[in-house]
């Protein structure tokens, strides 16, 4: 029985790793994504993060166009309550497993480099900080 469980875990990990290799972030990230939950860093890097669920009555959306445009919009909420970047529109570019987002409110022209933790045709997980992730679903 233990051998079967070990094989199942090994096979699952192998399949999961293969799926990530087939992802093409430049093509697969385009579209509109709705933020459903995030874990925002709190109390420093060693303290972990504060989990937040975005209620169904609220909406935080990010959109990536095929031409490199980025936009963040809100429905029934404001960036102070729920947000990803909280910066509105701008541009983006993909480099390896990261996305560099440049938006109006950023103080640096370099923008923010965000790790793409996971990407499928239905789910996007971004990691803008060393701790915590932002989970989006495709609209």
Protein backbone atom coordinates (compact mmCIF):
# COMPACT_ATOMS: atom_id res chain seq x y z
CA UNK A 1 0.00 0.00 0.00
CA UNK A 2 2.82 2.40 0.90
CA UNK A 3 4.51 1.65 -2.43
CA UNK A 4 1.30 2.58 -4.31
CA UNK A 5 1.02 5.88 -2.42
CA UNK A 6 4.67 6.69 -3.16
CA UNK A 7 4.16 5.90 -6.85
CA UNK A 8 1.03 8.10 -6.97
CA UNK A 9 2.88 11.04 -5.37
CA UNK A 10 5.85 10.59 -7.71
CA UNK A 11 3.61 10.38 -10.80
CA UNK A 12 1.63 13.46 -9.73
CA UNK A 13 4.80 15.49 -9.24
CA UNK A 14 6.17 14.36 -12.60
CA UNK A 15 2.97 15.36 -14.40
CA UNK A 16 2.82 18.71 -12.60
CA UNK A 17 6.40 19.51 -13.60
CA UNK A 18 5.74 18.56 -17.22
CA UNK A 19 2.68 20.84 -17.38
CA UNK A 20 4.75 23.85 -16.32
CA UNK A 21 7.33 23.18 -19.06
CA UNK A 22 4.62 23.36 -21.72
CA UNK A 23 3.40 26.77 -20.56
CA UNK A 24 4.21 29.70 -22.81
CA UNK A 25 3.82 32.74 -20.53
CA UNK A 26 3.98 35.24 -23.39
CA UNK A 27 0.96 33.66 -25.09
CA UNK A 28 -0.91 32.12 -22.16
CA UNK A 29 -1.01 35.18 -19.90
CA UNK A 30 -3.02 37.31 -22.34
CA UNK A 31 -6.60 37.97 -21.36
CA UNK A 32 -8.57 39.18 -18.36
CA UNK A 33 -7.97 37.65 -14.91
CA UNK A 34 -10.01 38.06 -11.70
CA UNK A 35 -8.25 38.10 -8.32
CA UNK A 36 -9.86 35.56 -5.97
CA UNK A 37 -7.39 35.44 -3.08
CA UNK A 38 -3.99 36.58 -1.97
CA UNK A 39 -1.60 36.35 0.90
CA UNK A 40 -0.12 39.77 1.60
CA UNK A 41 3.19 39.96 3.51
CA UNK A 42 2.75 41.15 7.08
CA UNK A 43 5.30 41.88 9.77
CA UNK A 44 8.42 41.30 7.69
CA UNK A 45 9.77 38.43 5.66
CA UNK A 46 10.01 35.96 8.52
CA UNK A 47 6.47 36.55 9.82
CA UNK A 48 4.64 35.15 6.81
CA UNK A 49 1.59 36.70 5.26
CA UNK A 50 -2.03 37.58 5.90
CA UNK A 51 -4.48 35.54 3.75
CA UNK A 52 -7.30 37.52 2.10
CA UNK A 53 -10.29 36.21 0.12
CA UNK A 54 -11.86 38.69 -2.29
CA UNK A 55 -15.66 38.47 -1.83
CA UNK A 56 -17.74 37.53 -4.88
CA UNK A 57 -19.49 40.91 -4.63
CA UNK A 58 -16.15 42.69 -5.22
CA UNK A 59 -13.93 42.50 -8.26
CA UNK A 60 -10.25 43.11 -8.92
CA UNK A 61 -9.26 42.46 -12.53
CA UNK A 62 -5.94 42.52 -14.33
CA UNK A 63 -5.68 42.34 -18.08
CA UNK A 64 -2.74 41.57 -20.30
CA UNK A 65 -3.10 42.38 -24.01
CA UNK A 66 -1.20 40.58 -26.74
CA UNK A 67 0.44 43.93 -27.56
CA UNK A 68 2.03 44.39 -24.12
CA UNK A 69 -0.60 46.57 -22.40
CA UNK A 70 -1.45 45.99 -18.73
CA UNK A 71 -4.55 47.25 -16.91
CA UNK A 72 -5.97 46.79 -13.41
CA UNK A 73 -9.65 47.61 -12.81
CA UNK A 74 -12.11 47.29 -9.94
CA UNK A 75 -15.80 46.50 -9.45
CA UNK A 76 -17.56 47.54 -6.21
CA UNK A 77 -14.24 48.15 -4.48
CA UNK A 78 -11.19 50.40 -4.45
CA UNK A 79 -7.44 49.64 -4.35
CA UNK A 80 -7.31 50.51 -0.63
CA UNK A 81 -9.64 47.56 0.11
CA UNK A 82 -8.48 44.94 -2.40
CA UNK A 83 -5.78 45.32 -5.04
CA UNK A 84 -2.96 43.63 -6.86
CA UNK A 85 -0.68 46.52 -7.87
CA UNK A 86 -3.17 49.36 -7.32
CA UNK A 87 -1.69 51.27 -10.24
CA UNK A 88 -4.23 51.21 -13.07
CA UNK A 89 -2.86 50.91 -16.58
CA UNK A 90 0.60 50.53 -18.05
CA UNK A 91 2.65 47.94 -19.89
CA UNK A 92 4.23 44.57 -19.30
CA UNK A 93 6.85 42.26 -20.71
CA UNK A 94 7.63 38.61 -20.06
CA UNK A 95 11.14 37.40 -19.29
CA UNK A 96 11.53 33.71 -18.53
CA UNK A 97 9.16 32.95 -15.61
CA UNK A 98 8.73 36.57 -14.60
CA UNK A 99 6.64 39.47 -15.74
CA UNK A 100 7.80 43.07 -15.49
CA UNK A 101 4.85 45.43 -14.97
CA UNK A 102 5.22 49.16 -15.48
CA UNK A 103 2.29 51.36 -14.45
CA UNK A 104 1.48 55.04 -13.95
CA UNK A 105 1.81 55.23 -10.18
CA UNK A 106 5.17 53.48 -9.91
CA UNK A 107 8.08 55.63 -8.81
CA UNK A 108 10.58 53.68 -10.92
CA UNK A 109 10.64 53.39 -14.71
CA UNK A 110 11.93 49.84 -14.17
CA UNK A 111 8.50 48.83 -12.89
CA UNK A 112 7.98 45.77 -10.71
CA UNK A 113 9.33 42.32 -11.49
CA UNK A 114 6.74 39.69 -10.49
CA UNK A 115 7.35 35.94 -10.43
CA UNK A 116 4.87 33.78 -12.33
CA UNK A 117 4.50 30.92 -9.82
CA UNK A 118 1.94 29.02 -11.86
CA UNK A 119 0.07 29.53 -15.12
CA UNK A 120 -2.59 27.44 -16.84
CA UNK A 121 -5.44 28.30 -19.17
CA UNK A 122 -7.72 28.86 -16.13
CA UNK A 123 -5.48 29.91 -13.25
CA UNK A 124 -2.63 32.37 -12.73
CA UNK A 125 -0.59 32.64 -9.54
CA UNK A 126 1.71 35.63 -9.20
CA UNK A 127 4.27 36.26 -6.48
CA UNK A 128 5.09 39.99 -6.31
CA UNK A 129 6.90 39.67 -2.95
CA UNK A 130 9.27 37.12 -1.44
CA UNK A 131 6.36 35.95 0.75
CA UNK A 132 2.75 35.54 -0.37
CA UNK A 133 0.96 34.82 -3.64
CA UNK A 134 -1.92 36.35 -5.64
CA UNK A 135 -4.34 33.84 -7.18
CA UNK A 136 -6.31 34.80 -10.31
CA UNK A 137 -8.83 32.91 -12.45
CA UNK A 138 -9.41 33.53 -16.15
CA UNK A 139 -12.54 35.49 -16.98
